[in-house]
Protein backbone atom coordinates (compact mmCIF):
# COMPACT_ATOMS: atom_id res chain seq x y z
CA UNK A 1 0.00 0.00 0.00
CA UNK A 2 1.33 3.42 -0.98
CA UNK A 3 1.22 6.05 1.77
CA UNK A 4 -0.38 9.37 0.97
CA UNK A 5 2.01 12.31 1.18
CA UNK A 6 0.74 14.61 4.00
CA UNK A 7 1.92 17.64 2.02
CA UNK A 8 -0.40 16.62 -0.84
CA UNK A 9 -3.32 16.44 1.57
CA UNK A 10 -2.40 19.89 2.91
CA UNK A 11 -2.08 21.55 -0.51
CA UNK A 12 -5.46 20.12 -1.53
CA UNK A 13 -7.02 21.99 1.36
CA UNK A 14 -5.11 25.23 0.67
CA UNK A 15 -5.27 25.28 -3.14
CA UNK A 16 -7.17 22.49 -4.90
CA UNK A 17 -5.91 23.84 -8.24
CA UNK A 18 -2.22 23.39 -7.34
CA UNK A 19 -0.38 21.42 -10.00
CA UNK A 20 0.91 18.01 -8.87
CA UNK A 21 3.60 16.39 -11.00
CA UNK A 22 2.84 12.73 -11.76
CA UNK A 23 5.16 10.22 -10.16
CA UNK A 24 7.24 12.74 -8.23
CA UNK A 25 5.49 12.76 -4.84
CA UNK A 26 8.73 11.77 -3.10
CA UNK A 27 10.36 14.96 -4.37
CA UNK A 28 7.80 17.24 -2.69
CA UNK A 29 9.41 19.12 0.19
CA UNK A 30 6.81 21.70 1.13
CA UNK A 31 4.27 24.34 0.24
CA UNK A 32 5.24 27.81 -0.94
CA UNK A 33 3.34 30.90 0.09
CA UNK A 34 3.46 34.35 -1.45
CA UNK A 35 1.38 37.45 -0.98
CA UNK A 36 0.31 37.59 -4.61
CA UNK A 37 -0.02 33.87 -5.44
CA UNK A 38 -2.01 30.90 -4.22
CA UNK A 39 -0.03 28.29 -2.25
CA UNK A 40 1.95 25.95 -4.52
CA UNK A 41 3.93 22.76 -4.09
CA UNK A 42 7.70 22.95 -3.72
CA UNK A 43 9.76 20.17 -5.31
CA UNK A 44 13.42 19.44 -4.60
CA UNK A 45 15.36 19.41 -7.87
CA UNK A 46 17.90 16.94 -6.49
CA UNK A 47 15.10 14.58 -5.39
CA UNK A 48 13.50 14.82 -8.84
CA UNK A 49 16.84 13.88 -10.42
CA UNK A 50 17.25 10.93 -8.00
CA UNK A 51 13.72 9.72 -8.70
CA UNK A 52 14.31 9.80 -12.45
CA UNK A 53 17.57 7.88 -12.02
CA UNK A 54 16.10 5.22 -9.75
CA UNK A 55 12.62 4.83 -11.21
CA UNK A 56 13.41 5.30 -14.89
CA UNK A 57 16.96 3.91 -14.82
CA UNK A 58 18.41 7.12 -16.28
CA UNK A 59 22.01 8.15 -15.89
CA UNK A 60 22.56 11.33 -13.91
CA UNK A 61 23.15 13.27 -17.13
CA UNK A 62 19.99 11.85 -18.73
CA UNK A 63 17.96 12.72 -15.63
CA UNK A 64 19.31 16.28 -15.55
CA UNK A 65 18.58 16.75 -19.25
CA UNK A 66 15.08 15.32 -18.83
CA UNK A 67 14.43 17.62 -15.87
CA UNK A 68 15.76 20.69 -17.72
CA UNK A 69 13.79 20.07 -20.91
CA UNK A 70 10.55 18.46 -19.69
CA UNK A 71 10.03 19.86 -16.21
CA UNK A 72 11.98 23.08 -15.61
CA UNK A 73 11.09 24.47 -19.05
CA UNK A 74 7.43 23.50 -18.70
CA UNK A 75 4.75 26.12 -18.21
CA UNK A 76 2.33 25.08 -15.50
CA UNK A 77 0.39 28.32 -15.05
CA UNK A 78 -0.19 30.31 -11.91
CA UNK A 79 -0.73 27.18 -9.83
CA UNK A 80 2.47 25.52 -11.04
CA UNK A 81 5.12 24.16 -8.73
CA UNK A 82 8.21 25.85 -7.35
CA UNK A 83 11.53 24.06 -7.89
CA UNK A 84 13.99 24.27 -5.00
CA UNK A 85 17.73 24.09 -5.57
CA UNK A 86 19.97 23.71 -2.57
CA UNK A 87 23.75 24.07 -2.67
CA UNK A 88 25.76 20.85 -2.19
CA UNK A 89 22.86 18.65 -3.46
CA UNK A 90 20.95 18.72 -0.15
PDB file of N, CA and C in Angstrom:
ATOM      1  N   UNK A   1       0.836  -1.188   0.000  1.00  0.00           N
ATOM      2  CA  UNK A   1       0.000   0.000   0.000  1.00  0.00           C
ATOM      3  C   UNK A   1       0.878   1.248   0.000  1.00  0.00           C
ATOM      4  N   UNK A   2       0.567   2.188  -0.876  1.00  0.00           N
ATOM      5  CA  UNK A   2       1.330   3.424  -0.975  1.00  0.00           C
ATOM      6  C   UNK A   2       0.770   4.436   0.016  1.00  0.00           C
ATOM      7  N   UNK A   3       1.653   5.033   0.811  1.00  0.00           N
ATOM      8  CA  UNK A   3       1.224   6.048   1.771  1.00  0.00           C
ATOM      9  C   UNK A   3       0.967   7.366   1.062  1.00  0.00           C
ATOM     10  N   UNK A   4      -0.068   8.048   1.495  1.00  0.00           N
ATOM     11  CA  UNK A   4      -0.383   9.374   0.969  1.00  0.00           C
ATOM     12  C   UNK A   4       0.605  10.383   1.564  1.00  0.00           C
ATOM     13  N   UNK A   5       1.094  11.271   0.728  1.00  0.00           N
ATOM     14  CA  UNK A   5       2.005  12.307   1.185  1.00  0.00           C
ATOM     15  C   UNK A   5       1.187  13.361   1.945  1.00  0.00           C
ATOM     16  N   UNK A   6       1.513  13.629   3.222  1.00  0.00           N
ATOM     17  CA  UNK A   6       0.736  14.613   3.995  1.00  0.00           C
ATOM     18  C   UNK A   6       0.780  16.013   3.390  1.00  0.00           C
ATOM     19  N   UNK A   7       1.842  16.322   2.665  1.00  0.00           N
ATOM     20  CA  UNK A   7       1.918  17.645   2.023  1.00  0.00           C
ATOM     21  C   UNK A   7       0.875  17.731   0.905  1.00  0.00           C
ATOM     22  N   UNK A   8       0.635  16.625   0.200  1.00  0.00           N
ATOM     23  CA  UNK A   8      -0.397  16.618  -0.840  1.00  0.00           C
ATOM     24  C   UNK A   8      -1.783  16.846  -0.244  1.00  0.00           C
ATOM     25  N   UNK A   9      -2.039  16.226   0.890  1.00  0.00           N
ATOM     26  CA  UNK A   9      -3.317  16.437   1.567  1.00  0.00           C
ATOM     27  C   UNK A   9      -3.472  17.904   1.973  1.00  0.00           C
ATOM     28  N   UNK A  10      -2.389  18.488   2.466  1.00  0.00           N
ATOM     29  CA  UNK A  10      -2.400  19.885   2.913  1.00  0.00           C
ATOM     30  C   UNK A  10      -2.630  20.848   1.741  1.00  0.00           C
ATOM     31  N   UNK A  11      -1.929  20.634   0.631  1.00  0.00           N
ATOM     32  CA  UNK A  11      -2.081  21.551  -0.507  1.00  0.00           C
ATOM     33  C   UNK A  11      -3.490  21.451  -1.096  1.00  0.00           C
ATOM     34  N   UNK A  12      -4.096  20.279  -1.028  1.00  0.00           N
ATOM     35  CA  UNK A  12      -5.456  20.116  -1.531  1.00  0.00           C
ATOM     36  C   UNK A  12      -6.431  20.983  -0.755  1.00  0.00           C
ATOM     37  N   UNK A  13      -6.178  21.129   0.530  1.00  0.00           N
ATOM     38  CA  UNK A  13      -7.021  21.994   1.362  1.00  0.00           C
ATOM     39  C   UNK A  13      -6.756  23.470   1.065  1.00  0.00           C
ATOM     40  N   UNK A  14      -5.484  23.828   0.875  1.00  0.00           N
ATOM     41  CA  UNK A  14      -5.111  25.228   0.668  1.00  0.00           C
ATOM     42  C   UNK A  14      -5.409  25.725  -0.744  1.00  0.00           C
ATOM     43  N   UNK A  15      -5.116  24.888  -1.736  1.00  0.00           N
ATOM     44  CA  UNK A  15      -5.268  25.282  -3.139  1.00  0.00           C
ATOM     45  C   UNK A  15      -5.558  24.036  -3.977  1.00  0.00           C
ATOM     46  N   UNK A  16      -6.825  23.694  -4.140  1.00  0.00           N
ATOM     47  CA  UNK A  16      -7.174  22.492  -4.899  1.00  0.00           C
ATOM     48  C   UNK A  16      -6.713  22.535  -6.361  1.00  0.00           C
ATOM     49  N   UNK A  17      -6.369  23.711  -6.859  1.00  0.00           N
ATOM     50  CA  UNK A  17      -5.907  23.839  -8.244  1.00  0.00           C
ATOM     51  C   UNK A  17      -4.391  23.726  -8.389  1.00  0.00           C
ATOM     52  N   UNK A  18      -3.685  23.521  -7.282  1.00  0.00           N
ATOM     53  CA  UNK A  18      -2.221  23.387  -7.337  1.00  0.00           C
ATOM     54  C   UNK A  18      -1.840  22.223  -8.246  1.00  0.00           C
ATOM     55  N   UNK A  19      -0.844  22.437  -9.067  1.00  0.00           N
ATOM     56  CA  UNK A  19      -0.375  21.416  -9.997  1.00  0.00           C
ATOM     57  C   UNK A  19       0.477  20.394  -9.247  1.00  0.00           C
ATOM     58  N   UNK A  20       0.153  19.116  -9.448  1.00  0.00           N
ATOM     59  CA  UNK A  20       0.906  18.005  -8.866  1.00  0.00           C
ATOM     60  C   UNK A  20       1.565  17.257 -10.019  1.00  0.00           C
ATOM     61  N   UNK A  21       2.867  17.090  -9.953  1.00  0.00           N
ATOM     62  CA  UNK A  21       3.604  16.388 -11.003  1.00  0.00           C
ATOM     63  C   UNK A  21       3.484  14.878 -10.802  1.00  0.00           C
ATOM     64  N   UNK A  22       3.039  14.185 -11.831  1.00  0.00           N
ATOM     65  CA  UNK A  22       2.838  12.733 -11.755  1.00  0.00           C
ATOM     66  C   UNK A  22       4.131  11.996 -11.432  1.00  0.00           C
ATOM     67  N   UNK A  23       4.045  11.097 -10.467  1.00  0.00           N
ATOM     68  CA  UNK A  23       5.161  10.220 -10.156  1.00  0.00           C
ATOM     69  C   UNK A  23       6.311  10.843  -9.400  1.00  0.00           C
ATOM     70  N   UNK A  24       6.134  12.068  -8.927  1.00  0.00           N
ATOM     71  CA  UNK A  24       7.236  12.740  -8.230  1.00  0.00           C
ATOM     72  C   UNK A  24       6.866  13.148  -6.800  1.00  0.00           C
ATOM     73  N   UNK A  25       5.925  12.427  -6.203  1.00  0.00           N
ATOM     74  CA  UNK A  25       5.487  12.755  -4.844  1.00  0.00           C
ATOM     75  C   UNK A  25       6.637  12.746  -3.839  1.00  0.00           C
ATOM     76  N   UNK A  26       7.602  11.847  -4.029  1.00  0.00           N
ATOM     77  CA  UNK A  26       8.731  11.767  -3.095  1.00  0.00           C
ATOM     78  C   UNK A  26       9.640  12.986  -3.164  1.00  0.00           C
ATOM     79  N   UNK A  27       9.518  13.776  -4.211  1.00  0.00           N
ATOM     80  CA  UNK A  27      10.363  14.963  -4.370  1.00  0.00           C
ATOM     81  C   UNK A  27       9.705  16.222  -3.792  1.00  0.00           C
ATOM     82  N   UNK A  28       8.485  16.095  -3.295  1.00  0.00           N
ATOM     83  CA  UNK A  28       7.795  17.241  -2.690  1.00  0.00           C
ATOM     84  C   UNK A  28       8.411  17.509  -1.320  1.00  0.00           C
ATOM     85  N   UNK A  29       8.788  18.774  -1.089  1.00  0.00           N
ATOM     86  CA  UNK A  29       9.411  19.118   0.186  1.00  0.00           C
ATOM     87  C   UNK A  29       8.627  20.155   0.979  1.00  0.00           C
ATOM     88  N   UNK A  30       7.577  20.714   0.390  1.00  0.00           N
ATOM     89  CA  UNK A  30       6.810  21.696   1.135  1.00  0.00           C
ATOM     90  C   UNK A  30       5.802  22.431   0.280  1.00  0.00           C
ATOM     91  N   UNK A  31       5.247  23.476   0.894  1.00  0.00           N
ATOM     92  CA  UNK A  31       4.268  24.340   0.241  1.00  0.00           C
ATOM     93  C   UNK A  31       4.807  25.759   0.281  1.00  0.00           C
ATOM     94  N   UNK A  32       4.773  26.433  -0.866  1.00  0.00           N
ATOM     95  CA  UNK A  32       5.244  27.811  -0.938  1.00  0.00           C
ATOM     96  C   UNK A  32       4.095  28.790  -0.826  1.00  0.00           C
ATOM     97  N   UNK A  33       4.336  29.853  -0.094  1.00  0.00           N
ATOM     98  CA  UNK A  33       3.338  30.895   0.094  1.00  0.00           C
ATOM     99  C   UNK A  33       3.918  32.229  -0.378  1.00  0.00           C
ATOM    100  N   UNK A  34       3.072  33.029  -0.993  1.00  0.00           N
ATOM    101  CA  UNK A  34       3.465  34.350  -1.446  1.00  0.00           C
ATOM    102  C   UNK A  34       2.245  35.252  -1.351  1.00  0.00           C
ATOM    103  N   UNK A  35       2.488  36.511  -1.128  1.00  0.00           N
ATOM    104  CA  UNK A  35       1.377  37.453  -0.980  1.00  0.00           C
ATOM    105  C   UNK A  35       0.484  37.472  -2.217  1.00  0.00           C
ATOM    106  N   UNK A  36       1.065  37.398  -3.388  1.00  0.00           N
ATOM    107  CA  UNK A  36       0.311  37.587  -4.615  1.00  0.00           C
ATOM    108  C   UNK A  36      -0.107  36.297  -5.313  1.00  0.00           C
ATOM    109  N   UNK A  37       0.291  35.135  -4.785  1.00  0.00           N
ATOM    110  CA  UNK A  37      -0.018  33.868  -5.443  1.00  0.00           C
ATOM    111  C   UNK A  37      -0.666  32.890  -4.471  1.00  0.00           C
ATOM    112  N   UNK A  38      -1.441  31.981  -5.024  1.00  0.00           N
ATOM    113  CA  UNK A  38      -2.010  30.899  -4.224  1.00  0.00           C
ATOM    114  C   UNK A  38      -0.871  29.976  -3.767  1.00  0.00           C
ATOM    115  N   UNK A  39      -1.052  29.254  -2.680  1.00  0.00           N
ATOM    116  CA  UNK A  39      -0.035  28.288  -2.254  1.00  0.00           C
ATOM    117  C   UNK A  39       0.250  27.274  -3.364  1.00  0.00           C
ATOM    118  N   UNK A  40       1.523  26.903  -3.484  1.00  0.00           N
ATOM    119  CA  UNK A  40       1.949  25.955  -4.523  1.00  0.00           C
ATOM    120  C   UNK A  40       2.911  24.951  -3.922  1.00  0.00           C
ATOM    121  N   UNK A  41       3.000  23.788  -4.554  1.00  0.00           N
ATOM    122  CA  UNK A  41       3.930  22.759  -4.093  1.00  0.00           C
ATOM    123  C   UNK A  41       5.369  23.151  -4.403  1.00  0.00           C
ATOM    124  N   UNK A  42       6.261  22.753  -3.509  1.00  0.00           N
ATOM    125  CA  UNK A  42       7.697  22.949  -3.718  1.00  0.00           C
ATOM    126  C   UNK A  42       8.327  21.570  -3.895  1.00  0.00           C
ATOM    127  N   UNK A  43       9.063  21.414  -5.000  1.00  0.00           N
ATOM    128  CA  UNK A  43       9.763  20.169  -5.308  1.00  0.00           C
ATOM    129  C   UNK A  43      11.263  20.390  -5.205  1.00  0.00           C
ATOM    130  N   UNK A  44      11.967  19.422  -4.653  1.00  0.00           N
ATOM    131  CA  UNK A  44      13.423  19.438  -4.603  1.00  0.00           C
ATOM    132  C   UNK A  44      13.960  18.967  -5.951  1.00  0.00           C
ATOM    133  N   UNK A  45      14.776  19.784  -6.586  1.00  0.00           N
ATOM    134  CA  UNK A  45      15.364  19.405  -7.867  1.00  0.00           C
ATOM    135  C   UNK A  45      16.226  18.157  -7.713  1.00  0.00           C
ATOM    136  N   UNK A  46      17.030  18.103  -6.667  1.00  0.00           N
ATOM    137  CA  UNK A  46      17.902  16.937  -6.491  1.00  0.00           C
ATOM    138  C   UNK A  46      17.084  15.661  -6.277  1.00  0.00           C
ATOM    139  N   UNK A  47      15.946  15.757  -5.588  1.00  0.00           N
ATOM    140  CA  UNK A  47      15.096  14.584  -5.394  1.00  0.00           C
ATOM    141  C   UNK A  47      14.404  14.178  -6.695  1.00  0.00           C
ATOM    142  N   UNK A  48      14.058  15.146  -7.523  1.00  0.00           N
ATOM    143  CA  UNK A  48      13.503  14.817  -8.836  1.00  0.00           C
ATOM    144  C   UNK A  48      14.527  14.040  -9.649  1.00  0.00           C
ATOM    145  N   UNK A  49      15.761  14.531  -9.661  1.00  0.00           N
ATOM    146  CA  UNK A  49      16.837  13.877 -10.419  1.00  0.00           C
ATOM    147  C   UNK A  49      17.033  12.438  -9.904  1.00  0.00           C
ATOM    148  N   UNK A  50      17.080  12.274  -8.584  1.00  0.00           N
ATOM    149  CA  UNK A  50      17.250  10.933  -8.003  1.00  0.00           C
ATOM    150  C   UNK A  50      16.087  10.011  -8.365  1.00  0.00           C
ATOM    151  N   UNK A  51      14.880  10.524  -8.332  1.00  0.00           N
ATOM    152  CA  UNK A  51      13.717   9.721  -8.700  1.00  0.00           C
ATOM    153  C   UNK A  51      13.813   9.263 -10.148  1.00  0.00           C
ATOM    154  N   UNK A  52      14.181  10.160 -11.038  1.00  0.00           N
ATOM    155  CA  UNK A  52      14.312   9.800 -12.451  1.00  0.00           C
ATOM    156  C   UNK A  52      15.392   8.744 -12.653  1.00  0.00           C
ATOM    157  N   UNK A  53      16.483   8.858 -11.905  1.00  0.00           N
ATOM    158  CA  UNK A  53      17.572   7.883 -12.021  1.00  0.00           C
ATOM    159  C   UNK A  53      17.131   6.506 -11.505  1.00  0.00           C
ATOM    160  N   UNK A  54      16.477   6.490 -10.355  1.00  0.00           N
ATOM    161  CA  UNK A  54      16.095   5.219  -9.746  1.00  0.00           C
ATOM    162  C   UNK A  54      14.896   4.589 -10.449  1.00  0.00           C
ATOM    163  N   UNK A  55      13.859   5.361 -10.650  1.00  0.00           N
ATOM    164  CA  UNK A  55      12.622   4.829 -11.210  1.00  0.00           C
ATOM    165  C   UNK A  55      12.737   4.511 -12.694  1.00  0.00           C
ATOM    166  N   UNK A  56      13.362   5.428 -13.431  1.00  0.00           N
ATOM    167  CA  UNK A  56      13.407   5.299 -14.892  1.00  0.00           C
ATOM    168  C   UNK A  56      14.751   4.812 -15.409  1.00  0.00           C
ATOM    169  N   UNK A  57      15.645   4.460 -14.466  1.00  0.00           N
ATOM    170  CA  UNK A  57      16.960   3.910 -14.824  1.00  0.00           C
ATOM    171  C   UNK A  57      17.757   4.840 -15.743  1.00  0.00           C
ATOM    172  N   UNK A  58      17.641   6.137 -15.512  1.00  0.00           N
ATOM    173  CA  UNK A  58      18.408   7.119 -16.283  1.00  0.00           C
ATOM    174  C   UNK A  58      19.772   7.315 -15.637  1.00  0.00           C
ATOM    175  N   UNK A  59      20.742   7.700 -16.446  1.00  0.00           N
ATOM    176  CA  UNK A  59      22.009   8.150 -15.888  1.00  0.00           C
ATOM    177  C   UNK A  59      21.764   9.523 -15.279  1.00  0.00           C
ATOM    178  N   UNK A  60      22.721   9.992 -14.500  1.00  0.00           N
ATOM    179  CA  UNK A  60      22.562  11.331 -13.907  1.00  0.00           C
ATOM    180  C   UNK A  60      22.413  12.385 -14.996  1.00  0.00           C
ATOM    181  N   UNK A  61      23.236  12.306 -16.036  1.00  0.00           N
ATOM    182  CA  UNK A  61      23.153  13.272 -17.131  1.00  0.00           C
ATOM    183  C   UNK A  61      21.799  13.197 -17.830  1.00  0.00           C
ATOM    184  N   UNK A  62      21.306  12.001 -18.094  1.00  0.00           N
ATOM    185  CA  UNK A  62      19.990  11.848 -18.732  1.00  0.00           C
ATOM    186  C   UNK A  62      18.887  12.452 -17.858  1.00  0.00           C
ATOM    187  N   UNK A  63      18.968  12.202 -16.559  1.00  0.00           N
ATOM    188  CA  UNK A  63      17.959  12.719 -15.632  1.00  0.00           C
ATOM    189  C   UNK A  63      17.991  14.245 -15.583  1.00  0.00           C
ATOM    190  N   UNK A  64      19.182  14.822 -15.565  1.00  0.00           N
ATOM    191  CA  UNK A  64      19.308  16.282 -15.548  1.00  0.00           C
ATOM    192  C   UNK A  64      18.753  16.867 -16.840  1.00  0.00           C
ATOM    193  N   UNK A  65      19.096  16.267 -17.968  1.00  0.00           N
ATOM    194  CA  UNK A  65      18.584  16.752 -19.249  1.00  0.00           C
ATOM    195  C   UNK A  65      17.067  16.627 -19.321  1.00  0.00           C
ATOM    196  N   UNK A  66      16.531  15.508 -18.840  1.00  0.00           N
ATOM    197  CA  UNK A  66      15.080  15.316 -18.833  1.00  0.00           C
ATOM    198  C   UNK A  66      14.425  16.378 -17.965  1.00  0.00           C
ATOM    199  N   UNK A  67      14.970  16.596 -16.765  1.00  0.00           N
ATOM    200  CA  UNK A  67      14.433  17.623 -15.869  1.00  0.00           C
ATOM    201  C   UNK A  67      14.462  18.996 -16.543  1.00  0.00           C
ATOM    202  N   UNK A  68      15.618  19.368 -17.096  1.00  0.00           N
ATOM    203  CA  UNK A  68      15.758  20.688 -17.721  1.00  0.00           C
ATOM    204  C   UNK A  68      14.754  20.897 -18.845  1.00  0.00           C
ATOM    205  N   UNK A  69      14.613  19.915 -19.711  1.00  0.00           N
ATOM    206  CA  UNK A  69      13.787  20.070 -20.909  1.00  0.00           C
ATOM    207  C   UNK A  69      12.297  19.874 -20.630  1.00  0.00           C
ATOM    208  N   UNK A  70      11.947  18.844 -19.857  1.00  0.00           N
ATOM    209  CA  UNK A  70      10.548  18.461 -19.693  1.00  0.00           C
ATOM    210  C   UNK A  70       9.867  19.018 -18.446  1.00  0.00           C
ATOM    211  N   UNK A  71      10.648  19.384 -17.450  1.00  0.00           N
ATOM    212  CA  UNK A  71      10.034  19.861 -16.213  1.00  0.00           C
ATOM    213  C   UNK A  71      10.340  21.334 -15.985  1.00  0.00           C
ATOM    214  N   UNK A  72      11.604  21.690 -15.905  1.00  0.00           N
ATOM    215  CA  UNK A  72      11.976  23.079 -15.612  1.00  0.00           C
ATOM    216  C   UNK A  72      11.493  24.041 -16.702  1.00  0.00           C
ATOM    217  N   UNK A  73      11.526  23.600 -17.957  1.00  0.00           N
ATOM    218  CA  UNK A  73      11.091  24.466 -19.055  1.00  0.00           C
ATOM    219  C   UNK A  73       9.586  24.420 -19.300  1.00  0.00           C
ATOM    220  N   UNK A  74       8.873  23.599 -18.533  1.00  0.00           N
ATOM    221  CA  UNK A  74       7.426  23.498 -18.703  1.00  0.00           C
ATOM    222  C   UNK A  74       6.720  24.726 -18.147  1.00  0.00           C
ATOM    223  N   UNK A  75       5.589  25.046 -18.746  1.00  0.00           N
ATOM    224  CA  UNK A  75       4.755  26.122 -18.212  1.00  0.00           C
ATOM    225  C   UNK A  75       3.552  25.487 -17.553  1.00  0.00           C
ATOM    226  N   UNK A  76       3.386  25.714 -16.269  1.00  0.00           N
ATOM    227  CA  UNK A  76       2.330  25.078 -15.501  1.00  0.00           C
ATOM    228  C   UNK A  76       1.250  26.069 -15.056  1.00  0.00           C
ATOM    229  N   UNK A  77       1.378  27.317 -15.445  1.00  0.00           N
ATOM    230  CA  UNK A  77       0.391  28.316 -15.055  1.00  0.00           C
ATOM    231  C   UNK A  77       0.608  28.837 -13.649  1.00  0.00           C
ATOM    232  N   UNK A  78      -0.349  29.625 -13.196  1.00  0.00           N
ATOM    233  CA  UNK A  78      -0.189  30.310 -11.911  1.00  0.00           C
ATOM    234  C   UNK A  78      -0.259  29.374 -10.702  1.00  0.00           C
ATOM    235  N   UNK A  79      -0.674  28.143 -10.916  1.00  0.00           N
ATOM    236  CA  UNK A  79      -0.731  27.183  -9.825  1.00  0.00           C
ATOM    237  C   UNK A  79       0.407  26.160  -9.923  1.00  0.00           C
ATOM    238  N   UNK A  80       1.359  26.435 -10.808  1.00  0.00           N
ATOM    239  CA  UNK A  80       2.472  25.520 -11.044  1.00  0.00           C
ATOM    240  C   UNK A  80       3.422  25.438  -9.870  1.00  0.00           C
ATOM    241  N   UNK A  81       4.208  24.385  -9.849  1.00  0.00           N
ATOM    242  CA  UNK A  81       5.118  24.155  -8.726  1.00  0.00           C
ATOM    243  C   UNK A  81       6.316  25.102  -8.714  1.00  0.00           C
ATOM    244  N   UNK A  82       6.954  25.136  -7.556  1.00  0.00           N
ATOM    245  CA  UNK A  82       8.208  25.849  -7.351  1.00  0.00           C
ATOM    246  C   UNK A  82       9.294  24.780  -7.277  1.00  0.00           C
ATOM    247  N   UNK A  83      10.432  25.030  -7.906  1.00  0.00           N
ATOM    248  CA  UNK A  83      11.533  24.064  -7.890  1.00  0.00           C
ATOM    249  C   UNK A  83      12.656  24.613  -7.027  1.00  0.00           C
ATOM    250  N   UNK A  84      13.007  23.859  -5.997  1.00  0.00           N
ATOM    251  CA  UNK A  84      13.986  24.269  -5.002  1.00  0.00           C
ATOM    252  C   UNK A  84      15.347  23.665  -5.305  1.00  0.00           C
ATOM    253  N   UNK A  85      16.337  24.529  -5.383  1.00  0.00           N
ATOM    254  CA  UNK A  85      17.728  24.090  -5.574  1.00  0.00           C
ATOM    255  C   UNK A  85      18.509  24.460  -4.322  1.00  0.00           C
ATOM    256  N   UNK A  86      19.147  23.475  -3.745  1.00  0.00           N
ATOM    257  CA  UNK A  86      19.971  23.710  -2.566  1.00  0.00           C
ATOM    258  C   UNK A  86      21.435  23.487  -2.934  1.00  0.00           C
ATOM    259  N   UNK A  87      22.336  24.311  -2.404  1.00  0.00           N
ATOM    260  CA  UNK A  87      23.753  24.069  -2.666  1.00  0.00           C
ATOM    261  C   UNK A  87      24.181  22.721  -2.088  1.00  0.00           C
ATOM    262  N   UNK A  88      25.176  22.123  -2.672  1.00  0.00           N
ATOM    263  CA  UNK A  88      25.756  20.851  -2.187  1.00  0.00           C
ATOM    264  C   UNK A  88      24.779  19.680  -2.276  1.00  0.00           C
ATOM    265  N   UNK A  89      23.811  19.741  -3.209  1.00  0.00           N
ATOM    266  CA  UNK A  89      22.859  18.648  -3.464  1.00  0.00           C
ATOM    267  C   UNK A  89      22.095  18.196  -2.236  1.00  0.00           C
ATOM    268  N   UNK A  90      21.741  19.093  -1.341  1.00  0.00           N
ATOM    269  CA  UNK A  90      20.953  18.722  -0.152  1.00  0.00           C
ATOM    270  C   UNK A  90      19.480  18.687  -0.466  1.00  0.00           C
TER     271      UNK A  90
END
